Amino acid sequence: MTRVLVVDDEPQILRALRINLVARHYEVATAADGGTALRQAAEFNPDLVLLDLGLPDLDGVEVIHGLRGWSAVPIVVLSGRAGNQDKVDALDAGADDYVTKPFHIEELLARIRAVTRRTSVPEAETARVSVGDHVVDLAAKTVSGDVRLTPTEWRILQIMLRNPGKLISQRQLLTEVWGSTHVRETHYLRQYLAQLRKKLERDPARPVHLITEPGMGYRFTP
């Protein structure tokens, strides 16, 4: 049974999420503040954390930093803060995804499934990934249909395909591909994603797999 720690200072949200998650056979623990959340994470050992940013004692980003000091547990942020900078800060701190309140429970459950699936599937099972009409072999670095990718295109695509469903921040992609001195060069990403879509998407102007989250980052949707 997947264990989920829900952290939110609104009692009605904690109750609603507990009911919905338990009904779908998740084991649930709750916390109403950041300090309790960090203690619960150590004691409950969750498989996933749903974390509100607006907590009464600690900012949610501080909680993410606290968790990432010792744990790689997937973190999905839930927050009423709609600003892109809040989302970017949470992702850069180590969150795996971000859902803005109010949200539909089915969307949240889909995000939970995507994150837990990504972290539970062995590396070998994700070596071959379908993108539209193409099959990408990450181990052999080949694409069906005799599609040719540049080394930089491969690096970006590999990061995205190995994290299906995860929102990957612009900063993370820029740092991993070009290094920490290029974190402001977002035009690099726009250019390379456009090239990848031309090579892999059925309709590059309306991509369904290599998705842009404006102002935040990119997501691979299988």
N, C-alpha and C. Protein backbone atom coordinates (compact mmCIF):
# COMPACT_ATOMS: atom_id res chain seq x y z
N MET A 1 0.84 -1.19 0.00
CA MET A 1 0.00 0.00 0.00
C MET A 1 0.88 1.25 0.00
N THR A 2 0.61 2.17 -0.92
CA THR A 2 1.38 3.40 -1.02
C THR A 2 1.05 4.33 0.14
N ARG A 3 2.11 4.82 0.80
CA ARG A 3 1.92 5.71 1.95
C ARG A 3 2.07 7.16 1.50
N VAL A 4 1.07 7.99 1.84
CA VAL A 4 1.07 9.39 1.45
C VAL A 4 0.99 10.27 2.69
N LEU A 5 1.88 11.25 2.79
CA LEU A 5 1.84 12.24 3.85
C LEU A 5 1.24 13.52 3.26
N VAL A 6 0.12 13.97 3.82
CA VAL A 6 -0.57 15.18 3.36
C VAL A 6 -0.30 16.30 4.35
N VAL A 7 0.25 17.41 3.85
CA VAL A 7 0.62 18.54 4.72
C VAL A 7 -0.15 19.77 4.27
N ASP A 8 -1.07 20.24 5.13
CA ASP A 8 -1.87 21.42 4.81
C ASP A 8 -2.45 21.96 6.11
N ASP A 9 -2.54 23.29 6.23
CA ASP A 9 -3.06 23.88 7.46
C ASP A 9 -4.57 24.10 7.41
N GLU A 10 -5.22 23.69 6.31
CA GLU A 10 -6.68 23.81 6.22
C GLU A 10 -7.32 22.45 6.54
N PRO A 11 -8.03 22.36 7.70
CA PRO A 11 -8.60 21.08 8.13
C PRO A 11 -9.51 20.44 7.10
N GLN A 12 -10.29 21.25 6.37
CA GLN A 12 -11.22 20.66 5.41
C GLN A 12 -10.49 20.02 4.24
N ILE A 13 -9.34 20.60 3.86
CA ILE A 13 -8.56 20.01 2.77
C ILE A 13 -7.91 18.71 3.25
N LEU A 14 -7.36 18.72 4.45
CA LEU A 14 -6.78 17.49 5.00
C LEU A 14 -7.82 16.37 5.03
N ARG A 15 -9.00 16.72 5.51
CA ARG A 15 -10.06 15.70 5.62
C ARG A 15 -10.48 15.19 4.24
N ALA A 16 -10.67 16.10 3.29
CA ALA A 16 -11.11 15.69 1.95
C ALA A 16 -10.06 14.82 1.26
N LEU A 17 -8.80 15.20 1.40
CA LEU A 17 -7.74 14.42 0.76
C LEU A 17 -7.60 13.05 1.43
N ARG A 18 -7.70 13.02 2.75
CA ARG A 18 -7.61 11.73 3.45
C ARG A 18 -8.72 10.80 2.96
N ILE A 19 -9.96 11.30 2.91
CA ILE A 19 -11.10 10.47 2.50
C ILE A 19 -10.89 9.94 1.09
N ASN A 20 -10.49 10.84 0.17
CA ASN A 20 -10.33 10.42 -1.23
C ASN A 20 -9.17 9.45 -1.41
N LEU A 21 -8.09 9.66 -0.70
CA LEU A 21 -6.93 8.78 -0.85
C LEU A 21 -7.17 7.42 -0.20
N VAL A 22 -7.76 7.42 0.99
CA VAL A 22 -8.06 6.14 1.65
C VAL A 22 -9.04 5.33 0.82
N ALA A 23 -10.02 5.99 0.20
CA ALA A 23 -10.99 5.29 -0.65
C ALA A 23 -10.32 4.61 -1.83
N ARG A 24 -9.15 5.12 -2.21
CA ARG A 24 -8.40 4.53 -3.33
C ARG A 24 -7.21 3.70 -2.84
N HIS A 25 -7.30 3.28 -1.60
CA HIS A 25 -6.37 2.31 -1.01
C HIS A 25 -4.96 2.85 -0.77
N TYR A 26 -4.86 4.14 -0.50
CA TYR A 26 -3.60 4.71 -0.03
C TYR A 26 -3.61 4.71 1.50
N GLU A 27 -2.45 4.55 2.10
CA GLU A 27 -2.30 4.73 3.54
C GLU A 27 -1.91 6.18 3.77
N VAL A 28 -2.63 6.89 4.63
CA VAL A 28 -2.49 8.34 4.73
C VAL A 28 -2.13 8.78 6.15
N ALA A 29 -1.16 9.70 6.22
CA ALA A 29 -0.87 10.43 7.45
C ALA A 29 -0.99 11.91 7.12
N THR A 30 -1.32 12.73 8.13
CA THR A 30 -1.51 14.16 7.88
C THR A 30 -0.69 15.00 8.85
N ALA A 31 -0.42 16.24 8.43
CA ALA A 31 0.27 17.22 9.28
C ALA A 31 -0.25 18.60 8.92
N ALA A 32 -0.42 19.45 9.95
CA ALA A 32 -0.99 20.78 9.72
C ALA A 32 0.06 21.88 9.75
N ASP A 33 1.33 21.53 9.96
CA ASP A 33 2.40 22.53 9.94
C ASP A 33 3.70 21.87 9.52
N GLY A 34 4.70 22.72 9.24
CA GLY A 34 5.96 22.21 8.70
C GLY A 34 6.75 21.35 9.67
N GLY A 35 6.79 21.76 10.93
CA GLY A 35 7.54 20.98 11.92
C GLY A 35 6.98 19.58 12.08
N THR A 36 5.66 19.50 12.17
CA THR A 36 5.02 18.19 12.27
C THR A 36 5.27 17.36 11.01
N ALA A 37 5.25 18.04 9.87
CA ALA A 37 5.48 17.34 8.60
C ALA A 37 6.85 16.67 8.57
N LEU A 38 7.87 17.39 9.01
CA LEU A 38 9.22 16.83 8.99
C LEU A 38 9.33 15.66 9.96
N ARG A 39 8.70 15.76 11.13
CA ARG A 39 8.72 14.63 12.08
C ARG A 39 7.94 13.44 11.53
N GLN A 40 6.77 13.72 10.93
CA GLN A 40 5.96 12.64 10.36
C GLN A 40 6.71 11.94 9.23
N ALA A 41 7.42 12.71 8.42
CA ALA A 41 8.16 12.12 7.30
C ALA A 41 9.19 11.12 7.81
N ALA A 42 9.84 11.45 8.92
CA ALA A 42 10.85 10.55 9.48
C ALA A 42 10.21 9.31 10.09
N GLU A 43 9.05 9.48 10.73
CA GLU A 43 8.40 8.36 11.43
C GLU A 43 7.54 7.50 10.49
N PHE A 44 6.80 8.16 9.59
CA PHE A 44 5.84 7.47 8.72
C PHE A 44 6.51 6.89 7.48
N ASN A 45 7.65 7.47 7.09
CA ASN A 45 8.40 7.03 5.90
C ASN A 45 7.48 6.94 4.67
N PRO A 46 6.91 8.07 4.25
CA PRO A 46 5.95 8.04 3.14
C PRO A 46 6.60 7.73 1.80
N ASP A 47 5.76 7.25 0.86
CA ASP A 47 6.19 7.05 -0.52
C ASP A 47 5.98 8.31 -1.34
N LEU A 48 5.18 9.24 -0.81
CA LEU A 48 4.87 10.49 -1.50
C LEU A 48 4.44 11.52 -0.48
N VAL A 49 4.80 12.80 -0.72
CA VAL A 49 4.36 13.90 0.14
C VAL A 49 3.56 14.89 -0.69
N LEU A 50 2.34 15.21 -0.22
CA LEU A 50 1.55 16.30 -0.79
C LEU A 50 1.72 17.48 0.15
N LEU A 51 2.26 18.59 -0.34
CA LEU A 51 2.72 19.67 0.53
C LEU A 51 2.15 21.02 0.12
N ASP A 52 1.45 21.66 1.06
CA ASP A 52 1.01 23.03 0.87
C ASP A 52 2.18 23.96 1.17
N LEU A 53 2.29 25.08 0.44
CA LEU A 53 3.39 26.01 0.68
C LEU A 53 3.10 26.98 1.83
N GLY A 54 1.82 27.34 2.01
CA GLY A 54 1.47 28.34 3.02
C GLY A 54 1.19 27.74 4.37
N LEU A 55 2.23 27.36 5.09
CA LEU A 55 2.09 26.74 6.40
C LEU A 55 2.31 27.78 7.50
N PRO A 56 1.76 27.55 8.70
CA PRO A 56 1.82 28.58 9.74
C PRO A 56 3.19 28.78 10.37
N ASP A 57 4.05 27.77 10.34
CA ASP A 57 5.34 27.89 11.03
C ASP A 57 6.52 28.00 10.07
N LEU A 58 6.53 27.16 9.03
CA LEU A 58 7.61 27.16 8.05
C LEU A 58 7.01 27.36 6.66
N ASP A 59 7.74 28.04 5.80
CA ASP A 59 7.32 28.09 4.41
C ASP A 59 7.51 26.71 3.79
N GLY A 60 6.62 26.35 2.86
CA GLY A 60 6.72 25.03 2.26
C GLY A 60 8.04 24.75 1.60
N VAL A 61 8.68 25.80 1.03
CA VAL A 61 9.98 25.61 0.40
C VAL A 61 11.02 25.19 1.44
N GLU A 62 10.91 25.73 2.66
CA GLU A 62 11.80 25.31 3.74
C GLU A 62 11.60 23.84 4.08
N VAL A 63 10.35 23.40 4.05
CA VAL A 63 10.05 21.99 4.31
C VAL A 63 10.68 21.12 3.22
N ILE A 64 10.59 21.56 1.97
CA ILE A 64 11.20 20.81 0.87
C ILE A 64 12.70 20.68 1.09
N HIS A 65 13.34 21.80 1.45
CA HIS A 65 14.78 21.76 1.72
C HIS A 65 15.07 20.79 2.88
N GLY A 66 14.22 20.82 3.92
CA GLY A 66 14.42 19.93 5.05
C GLY A 66 14.32 18.47 4.66
N LEU A 67 13.35 18.15 3.82
CA LEU A 67 13.19 16.77 3.36
C LEU A 67 14.34 16.35 2.45
N ARG A 68 14.71 17.24 1.56
CA ARG A 68 15.76 16.89 0.61
C ARG A 68 17.13 16.75 1.27
N GLY A 69 17.26 17.21 2.50
CA GLY A 69 18.52 17.01 3.21
C GLY A 69 18.81 15.56 3.51
N TRP A 70 17.74 14.71 3.50
CA TRP A 70 17.96 13.30 3.84
C TRP A 70 17.09 12.33 3.04
N SER A 71 16.13 12.84 2.26
CA SER A 71 15.18 11.95 1.60
C SER A 71 14.96 12.33 0.14
N ALA A 72 14.75 11.31 -0.70
CA ALA A 72 14.42 11.52 -2.10
C ALA A 72 12.94 11.29 -2.37
N VAL A 73 12.12 11.26 -1.30
CA VAL A 73 10.69 11.00 -1.45
C VAL A 73 10.07 11.99 -2.45
N PRO A 74 9.23 11.52 -3.37
CA PRO A 74 8.57 12.43 -4.31
C PRO A 74 7.69 13.43 -3.56
N ILE A 75 7.73 14.69 -4.01
CA ILE A 75 6.96 15.76 -3.38
C ILE A 75 6.11 16.45 -4.45
N VAL A 76 4.80 16.47 -4.21
CA VAL A 76 3.88 17.22 -5.07
C VAL A 76 3.36 18.39 -4.26
N VAL A 77 3.63 19.59 -4.72
CA VAL A 77 3.22 20.80 -4.01
C VAL A 77 1.78 21.14 -4.36
N LEU A 78 1.00 21.48 -3.33
CA LEU A 78 -0.37 21.97 -3.50
C LEU A 78 -0.39 23.38 -2.94
N SER A 79 -0.79 24.36 -3.75
CA SER A 79 -0.75 25.71 -3.22
C SER A 79 -1.69 26.65 -3.95
N GLY A 80 -2.21 27.61 -3.19
CA GLY A 80 -3.03 28.66 -3.77
C GLY A 80 -2.21 29.77 -4.38
N ARG A 81 -0.89 29.70 -4.25
CA ARG A 81 -0.02 30.71 -4.85
C ARG A 81 0.09 30.43 -6.35
N ALA A 82 -0.47 31.32 -7.13
CA ALA A 82 -0.52 31.07 -8.58
C ALA A 82 0.69 31.62 -9.31
N GLY A 83 1.52 32.42 -8.63
CA GLY A 83 2.66 33.04 -9.30
C GLY A 83 3.69 32.03 -9.76
N ASN A 84 4.24 32.26 -10.95
CA ASN A 84 5.23 31.34 -11.49
C ASN A 84 6.47 31.24 -10.61
N GLN A 85 6.89 32.35 -9.97
CA GLN A 85 8.11 32.31 -9.17
C GLN A 85 7.98 31.36 -8.00
N ASP A 86 6.79 31.31 -7.38
CA ASP A 86 6.58 30.36 -6.28
C ASP A 86 6.73 28.93 -6.78
N LYS A 87 6.22 28.66 -7.96
CA LYS A 87 6.32 27.33 -8.53
C LYS A 87 7.78 26.99 -8.86
N VAL A 88 8.47 27.95 -9.46
CA VAL A 88 9.87 27.74 -9.80
C VAL A 88 10.70 27.50 -8.55
N ASP A 89 10.47 28.30 -7.50
CA ASP A 89 11.22 28.14 -6.24
C ASP A 89 10.99 26.75 -5.66
N ALA A 90 9.75 26.27 -5.69
CA ALA A 90 9.44 24.95 -5.15
C ALA A 90 10.10 23.85 -5.96
N LEU A 91 10.06 23.98 -7.29
CA LEU A 91 10.68 22.97 -8.15
C LEU A 91 12.19 22.97 -7.98
N ASP A 92 12.79 24.16 -7.91
CA ASP A 92 14.23 24.24 -7.74
C ASP A 92 14.68 23.72 -6.38
N ALA A 93 13.81 23.81 -5.39
CA ALA A 93 14.14 23.29 -4.06
C ALA A 93 14.11 21.77 -4.02
N GLY A 94 13.43 21.16 -5.02
CA GLY A 94 13.40 19.70 -5.07
C GLY A 94 12.03 19.07 -5.20
N ALA A 95 10.97 19.90 -5.36
CA ALA A 95 9.64 19.33 -5.58
C ALA A 95 9.59 18.64 -6.94
N ASP A 96 8.71 17.63 -7.04
CA ASP A 96 8.60 16.88 -8.29
C ASP A 96 7.48 17.39 -9.19
N ASP A 97 6.49 18.04 -8.60
CA ASP A 97 5.39 18.57 -9.40
C ASP A 97 4.67 19.63 -8.58
N TYR A 98 3.76 20.36 -9.22
CA TYR A 98 3.09 21.49 -8.60
C TYR A 98 1.65 21.53 -9.09
N VAL A 99 0.69 21.53 -8.18
CA VAL A 99 -0.72 21.61 -8.52
C VAL A 99 -1.30 22.85 -7.83
N THR A 100 -1.93 23.72 -8.60
CA THR A 100 -2.47 24.96 -8.06
C THR A 100 -3.89 24.76 -7.55
N LYS A 101 -4.17 25.28 -6.35
CA LYS A 101 -5.53 25.26 -5.81
C LYS A 101 -6.37 26.34 -6.48
N PRO A 102 -7.68 26.12 -6.67
CA PRO A 102 -8.38 24.85 -6.41
C PRO A 102 -8.07 23.85 -7.52
N PHE A 103 -8.06 22.58 -7.18
CA PHE A 103 -7.74 21.54 -8.16
C PHE A 103 -8.84 20.49 -8.15
N HIS A 104 -8.93 19.78 -9.26
CA HIS A 104 -9.87 18.66 -9.36
C HIS A 104 -9.18 17.43 -8.80
N ILE A 105 -9.88 16.67 -7.98
CA ILE A 105 -9.26 15.52 -7.32
C ILE A 105 -8.73 14.51 -8.33
N GLU A 106 -9.41 14.37 -9.47
CA GLU A 106 -8.94 13.39 -10.47
C GLU A 106 -7.61 13.83 -11.08
N GLU A 107 -7.44 15.15 -11.27
CA GLU A 107 -6.15 15.63 -11.78
C GLU A 107 -5.05 15.35 -10.77
N LEU A 108 -5.32 15.62 -9.49
CA LEU A 108 -4.33 15.36 -8.46
C LEU A 108 -3.97 13.88 -8.40
N LEU A 109 -4.96 13.01 -8.47
CA LEU A 109 -4.70 11.57 -8.43
C LEU A 109 -3.87 11.13 -9.63
N ALA A 110 -4.12 11.74 -10.79
CA ALA A 110 -3.32 11.41 -11.97
C ALA A 110 -1.87 11.83 -11.77
N ARG A 111 -1.65 13.01 -11.17
CA ARG A 111 -0.29 13.47 -10.90
C ARG A 111 0.40 12.53 -9.90
N ILE A 112 -0.35 12.09 -8.88
CA ILE A 112 0.21 11.16 -7.90
C ILE A 112 0.63 9.86 -8.58
N ARG A 113 -0.24 9.33 -9.44
CA ARG A 113 0.08 8.08 -10.14
C ARG A 113 1.32 8.25 -11.01
N ALA A 114 1.40 9.39 -11.70
CA ALA A 114 2.54 9.63 -12.60
C ALA A 114 3.84 9.70 -11.82
N VAL A 115 3.83 10.42 -10.70
CA VAL A 115 5.06 10.57 -9.91
C VAL A 115 5.47 9.24 -9.28
N THR A 116 4.52 8.51 -8.71
CA THR A 116 4.87 7.24 -8.07
C THR A 116 5.29 6.20 -9.10
N ARG A 117 4.67 6.24 -10.28
CA ARG A 117 5.07 5.30 -11.35
C ARG A 117 6.50 5.59 -11.79
N ARG A 118 6.80 6.87 -11.93
CA ARG A 118 8.15 7.24 -12.37
C ARG A 118 9.22 6.80 -11.38
N THR A 119 8.93 6.90 -10.09
CA THR A 119 9.94 6.56 -9.09
C THR A 119 10.00 5.08 -8.77
N SER A 120 8.98 4.31 -9.21
CA SER A 120 8.97 2.89 -8.87
C SER A 120 9.39 1.99 -10.02
N VAL A 121 9.38 2.51 -11.26
CA VAL A 121 9.74 1.68 -12.41
C VAL A 121 11.25 1.56 -12.50
N PRO A 122 11.79 0.33 -12.58
CA PRO A 122 13.24 0.17 -12.71
C PRO A 122 13.77 0.81 -13.98
N GLU A 123 15.02 1.23 -13.92
CA GLU A 123 15.64 1.93 -15.06
C GLU A 123 15.54 1.14 -16.34
N ALA A 124 15.75 -0.18 -16.27
CA ALA A 124 15.75 -1.00 -17.48
C ALA A 124 14.41 -0.97 -18.19
N GLU A 125 13.30 -0.81 -17.43
CA GLU A 125 11.99 -0.82 -18.04
C GLU A 125 11.69 0.48 -18.78
N THR A 126 12.46 1.52 -18.53
CA THR A 126 12.20 2.79 -19.18
C THR A 126 13.19 3.09 -20.30
N ALA A 127 13.96 2.07 -20.73
CA ALA A 127 14.98 2.28 -21.76
C ALA A 127 14.34 2.59 -23.11
N ARG A 128 13.17 2.00 -23.40
CA ARG A 128 12.49 2.23 -24.67
C ARG A 128 11.18 2.96 -24.39
N VAL A 129 11.05 4.15 -24.97
CA VAL A 129 9.90 5.01 -24.69
C VAL A 129 9.26 5.43 -26.00
N SER A 130 7.93 5.36 -26.07
CA SER A 130 7.21 5.80 -27.26
C SER A 130 6.91 7.29 -27.17
N VAL A 131 7.20 8.01 -28.24
CA VAL A 131 6.87 9.42 -28.36
C VAL A 131 6.17 9.60 -29.71
N GLY A 132 4.87 9.72 -29.68
CA GLY A 132 4.12 9.81 -30.93
C GLY A 132 4.29 8.55 -31.74
N ASP A 133 4.75 8.71 -32.99
CA ASP A 133 4.92 7.56 -33.88
C ASP A 133 6.30 6.94 -33.75
N HIS A 134 7.12 7.43 -32.84
CA HIS A 134 8.50 6.98 -32.73
C HIS A 134 8.76 6.23 -31.43
N VAL A 135 9.74 5.35 -31.47
CA VAL A 135 10.22 4.66 -30.27
C VAL A 135 11.65 5.12 -30.03
N VAL A 136 11.86 5.67 -28.84
CA VAL A 136 13.18 6.17 -28.48
C VAL A 136 13.85 5.14 -27.58
N ASP A 137 15.02 4.68 -27.98
CA ASP A 137 15.81 3.75 -27.18
C ASP A 137 16.90 4.56 -26.49
N LEU A 138 16.69 4.80 -25.19
CA LEU A 138 17.62 5.66 -24.45
C LEU A 138 18.97 4.99 -24.23
N ALA A 139 18.97 3.66 -24.16
CA ALA A 139 20.24 2.96 -23.95
C ALA A 139 21.09 2.97 -25.22
N ALA A 140 20.45 2.65 -26.35
CA ALA A 140 21.18 2.59 -27.63
C ALA A 140 21.29 3.96 -28.30
N LYS A 141 20.54 4.92 -27.80
CA LYS A 141 20.50 6.27 -28.38
C LYS A 141 20.11 6.22 -29.85
N THR A 142 18.95 5.58 -30.08
CA THR A 142 18.40 5.53 -31.43
C THR A 142 16.92 5.90 -31.37
N VAL A 143 16.43 6.41 -32.51
CA VAL A 143 15.02 6.73 -32.65
C VAL A 143 14.51 6.04 -33.90
N SER A 144 13.38 5.37 -33.79
CA SER A 144 12.82 4.69 -34.95
C SER A 144 12.49 5.70 -36.04
N GLY A 145 12.42 5.20 -37.27
CA GLY A 145 12.13 6.08 -38.40
C GLY A 145 13.34 6.83 -38.88
N ASP A 146 14.53 6.38 -38.46
CA ASP A 146 15.79 6.99 -38.88
C ASP A 146 15.88 8.48 -38.52
N VAL A 147 15.30 8.82 -37.36
CA VAL A 147 15.38 10.19 -36.87
C VAL A 147 16.76 10.41 -36.23
N ARG A 148 17.40 11.51 -36.58
CA ARG A 148 18.72 11.83 -36.04
C ARG A 148 18.62 12.99 -35.04
N LEU A 149 19.23 12.81 -33.88
CA LEU A 149 19.23 13.86 -32.86
C LEU A 149 20.66 14.30 -32.58
N THR A 150 20.84 15.57 -32.29
CA THR A 150 22.15 16.08 -31.89
C THR A 150 22.43 15.66 -30.44
N PRO A 151 23.70 15.71 -30.01
CA PRO A 151 24.01 15.36 -28.62
C PRO A 151 23.22 16.19 -27.60
N THR A 152 23.03 17.47 -27.87
CA THR A 152 22.27 18.32 -26.94
C THR A 152 20.80 17.93 -26.94
N GLU A 153 20.25 17.65 -28.11
CA GLU A 153 18.86 17.19 -28.18
C GLU A 153 18.69 15.90 -27.39
N TRP A 154 19.66 14.99 -27.50
CA TRP A 154 19.60 13.73 -26.76
C TRP A 154 19.59 13.99 -25.25
N ARG A 155 20.43 14.90 -24.80
CA ARG A 155 20.53 15.17 -23.36
C ARG A 155 19.22 15.70 -22.82
N ILE A 156 18.62 16.66 -23.53
CA ILE A 156 17.35 17.21 -23.08
C ILE A 156 16.26 16.15 -23.10
N LEU A 157 16.20 15.40 -24.21
CA LEU A 157 15.16 14.37 -24.34
C LEU A 157 15.31 13.30 -23.27
N GLN A 158 16.53 12.89 -23.00
CA GLN A 158 16.77 11.85 -21.99
C GLN A 158 16.25 12.29 -20.62
N ILE A 159 16.54 13.53 -20.24
CA ILE A 159 16.07 14.02 -18.94
C ILE A 159 14.54 13.99 -18.87
N MET A 160 13.89 14.43 -19.94
CA MET A 160 12.43 14.47 -19.94
C MET A 160 11.81 13.08 -19.96
N LEU A 161 12.35 12.18 -20.79
CA LEU A 161 11.75 10.85 -20.91
C LEU A 161 11.97 10.01 -19.67
N ARG A 162 13.04 10.24 -18.94
CA ARG A 162 13.29 9.48 -17.72
C ARG A 162 12.47 10.02 -16.54
N ASN A 163 11.71 11.08 -16.79
CA ASN A 163 10.87 11.66 -15.74
C ASN A 163 9.45 11.88 -16.27
N PRO A 164 8.77 10.81 -16.72
CA PRO A 164 7.45 10.98 -17.33
C PRO A 164 6.46 11.60 -16.35
N GLY A 165 5.75 12.59 -16.84
CA GLY A 165 4.73 13.25 -16.04
C GLY A 165 5.26 14.31 -15.10
N LYS A 166 6.58 14.38 -14.92
CA LYS A 166 7.15 15.33 -13.97
C LYS A 166 7.38 16.68 -14.63
N LEU A 167 7.02 17.75 -13.91
CA LEU A 167 7.34 19.10 -14.36
C LEU A 167 8.79 19.38 -14.02
N ILE A 168 9.61 19.58 -15.05
CA ILE A 168 11.05 19.83 -14.87
C ILE A 168 11.30 21.32 -15.09
N SER A 169 11.87 21.98 -14.11
CA SER A 169 12.05 23.42 -14.20
C SER A 169 13.08 23.79 -15.26
N GLN A 170 12.93 25.01 -15.78
CA GLN A 170 13.90 25.51 -16.75
C GLN A 170 15.30 25.50 -16.15
N ARG A 171 15.42 25.91 -14.89
CA ARG A 171 16.73 25.96 -14.24
C ARG A 171 17.37 24.57 -14.20
N GLN A 172 16.57 23.54 -13.87
CA GLN A 172 17.13 22.19 -13.80
C GLN A 172 17.65 21.74 -15.16
N LEU A 173 16.87 21.95 -16.21
CA LEU A 173 17.30 21.54 -17.55
C LEU A 173 18.55 22.31 -17.98
N LEU A 174 18.54 23.62 -17.78
CA LEU A 174 19.70 24.42 -18.18
C LEU A 174 20.95 24.01 -17.42
N THR A 175 20.80 23.76 -16.12
CA THR A 175 21.95 23.37 -15.30
C THR A 175 22.50 22.02 -15.73
N GLU A 176 21.61 21.05 -15.95
CA GLU A 176 22.06 19.70 -16.28
C GLU A 176 22.64 19.61 -17.69
N VAL A 177 22.16 20.44 -18.60
CA VAL A 177 22.61 20.35 -19.99
C VAL A 177 23.79 21.28 -20.27
N TRP A 178 23.70 22.53 -19.77
CA TRP A 178 24.74 23.52 -20.10
C TRP A 178 25.58 23.96 -18.89
N GLY A 179 25.14 23.66 -17.68
CA GLY A 179 25.89 24.07 -16.50
C GLY A 179 25.26 25.25 -15.79
N SER A 180 25.69 25.48 -14.56
CA SER A 180 25.06 26.48 -13.69
C SER A 180 25.28 27.91 -14.16
N THR A 181 26.21 28.15 -15.07
CA THR A 181 26.44 29.52 -15.56
C THR A 181 25.46 29.92 -16.66
N HIS A 182 24.56 29.00 -17.03
CA HIS A 182 23.64 29.28 -18.13
C HIS A 182 22.17 29.23 -17.70
N VAL A 183 21.90 29.45 -16.41
CA VAL A 183 20.54 29.26 -15.91
C VAL A 183 19.56 30.31 -16.44
N ARG A 184 20.05 31.40 -17.03
CA ARG A 184 19.16 32.42 -17.57
C ARG A 184 18.95 32.30 -19.08
N GLU A 185 19.60 31.34 -19.68
CA GLU A 185 19.54 31.23 -21.15
C GLU A 185 18.33 30.40 -21.58
N THR A 186 17.14 30.87 -21.21
CA THR A 186 15.93 30.08 -21.49
C THR A 186 15.65 29.96 -22.98
N HIS A 187 16.21 30.88 -23.78
CA HIS A 187 15.98 30.79 -25.23
C HIS A 187 16.63 29.54 -25.81
N TYR A 188 17.67 29.01 -25.14
CA TYR A 188 18.25 27.74 -25.58
C TYR A 188 17.18 26.65 -25.58
N LEU A 189 16.44 26.59 -24.48
CA LEU A 189 15.43 25.54 -24.34
C LEU A 189 14.33 25.68 -25.37
N ARG A 190 13.87 26.90 -25.60
CA ARG A 190 12.80 27.10 -26.60
C ARG A 190 13.24 26.60 -27.97
N GLN A 191 14.49 26.89 -28.33
CA GLN A 191 14.99 26.48 -29.64
C GLN A 191 15.11 24.96 -29.75
N TYR A 192 15.67 24.34 -28.73
CA TYR A 192 15.87 22.89 -28.80
C TYR A 192 14.57 22.12 -28.69
N LEU A 193 13.63 22.61 -27.86
CA LEU A 193 12.34 21.94 -27.78
C LEU A 193 11.59 22.06 -29.10
N ALA A 194 11.72 23.18 -29.77
CA ALA A 194 11.08 23.33 -31.08
C ALA A 194 11.65 22.31 -32.07
N GLN A 195 12.97 22.11 -32.03
CA GLN A 195 13.60 21.13 -32.92
C GLN A 195 13.15 19.71 -32.59
N LEU A 196 13.08 19.39 -31.30
CA LEU A 196 12.65 18.05 -30.90
C LEU A 196 11.20 17.78 -31.32
N ARG A 197 10.35 18.79 -31.19
CA ARG A 197 8.96 18.61 -31.61
C ARG A 197 8.84 18.37 -33.10
N LYS A 198 9.66 19.09 -33.90
CA LYS A 198 9.63 18.89 -35.34
C LYS A 198 10.01 17.46 -35.71
N LYS A 199 10.91 16.87 -34.92
CA LYS A 199 11.40 15.52 -35.23
C LYS A 199 10.52 14.41 -34.66
N LEU A 200 9.79 14.70 -33.55
CA LEU A 200 9.11 13.61 -32.83
C LEU A 200 7.59 13.75 -32.74
N GLU A 201 7.08 14.95 -32.71
CA GLU A 201 5.63 15.13 -32.56
C GLU A 201 4.93 15.00 -33.90
N ARG A 202 3.72 14.45 -33.89
CA ARG A 202 2.94 14.36 -35.13
C ARG A 202 2.58 15.75 -35.65
N ASP A 203 2.22 16.65 -34.73
CA ASP A 203 1.91 18.03 -35.10
C ASP A 203 2.73 18.94 -34.20
N PRO A 204 3.91 19.38 -34.66
CA PRO A 204 4.79 20.18 -33.80
C PRO A 204 4.14 21.45 -33.25
N ALA A 205 3.16 21.99 -33.98
CA ALA A 205 2.50 23.22 -33.52
C ALA A 205 1.52 22.94 -32.39
N ARG A 206 1.11 21.69 -32.25
CA ARG A 206 0.19 21.29 -31.18
C ARG A 206 0.73 20.04 -30.48
N PRO A 207 1.84 20.19 -29.76
CA PRO A 207 2.49 19.02 -29.15
C PRO A 207 1.62 18.38 -28.07
N VAL A 208 1.69 17.06 -28.00
CA VAL A 208 0.94 16.34 -26.95
C VAL A 208 1.88 15.56 -26.03
N HIS A 209 3.16 15.50 -26.35
CA HIS A 209 4.12 14.75 -25.53
C HIS A 209 5.18 15.66 -24.89
N LEU A 210 5.75 16.56 -25.65
CA LEU A 210 6.80 17.45 -25.14
C LEU A 210 6.16 18.81 -24.87
N ILE A 211 5.68 18.96 -23.63
CA ILE A 211 4.79 20.07 -23.28
C ILE A 211 5.55 21.19 -22.57
N THR A 212 5.22 22.42 -22.92
CA THR A 212 5.77 23.60 -22.24
C THR A 212 4.79 24.05 -21.16
N GLU A 213 5.30 24.25 -19.96
CA GLU A 213 4.53 24.86 -18.88
C GLU A 213 5.04 26.31 -18.80
N PRO A 214 4.32 27.27 -19.35
CA PRO A 214 4.83 28.64 -19.52
C PRO A 214 5.42 29.23 -18.23
N GLY A 215 6.64 29.73 -18.36
CA GLY A 215 7.31 30.38 -17.24
C GLY A 215 7.89 29.45 -16.22
N MET A 216 7.66 28.14 -16.35
CA MET A 216 8.10 27.20 -15.33
C MET A 216 9.07 26.15 -15.85
N GLY A 217 8.66 25.45 -16.90
CA GLY A 217 9.52 24.38 -17.39
C GLY A 217 8.84 23.53 -18.42
N TYR A 218 9.17 22.23 -18.42
CA TYR A 218 8.69 21.32 -19.45
C TYR A 218 8.28 19.99 -18.84
N ARG A 219 7.39 19.31 -19.56
CA ARG A 219 6.88 18.03 -19.05
C ARG A 219 6.73 17.06 -20.22
N PHE A 220 7.19 15.82 -20.01
CA PHE A 220 6.94 14.76 -21.00
C PHE A 220 5.68 14.01 -20.59
N THR A 221 4.70 14.03 -21.48
CA THR A 221 3.45 13.31 -21.25
C THR A 221 3.42 12.08 -22.14
N PRO A 222 3.49 10.87 -21.58
CA PRO A 222 3.51 9.65 -22.41
C PRO A 222 2.25 9.51 -23.26
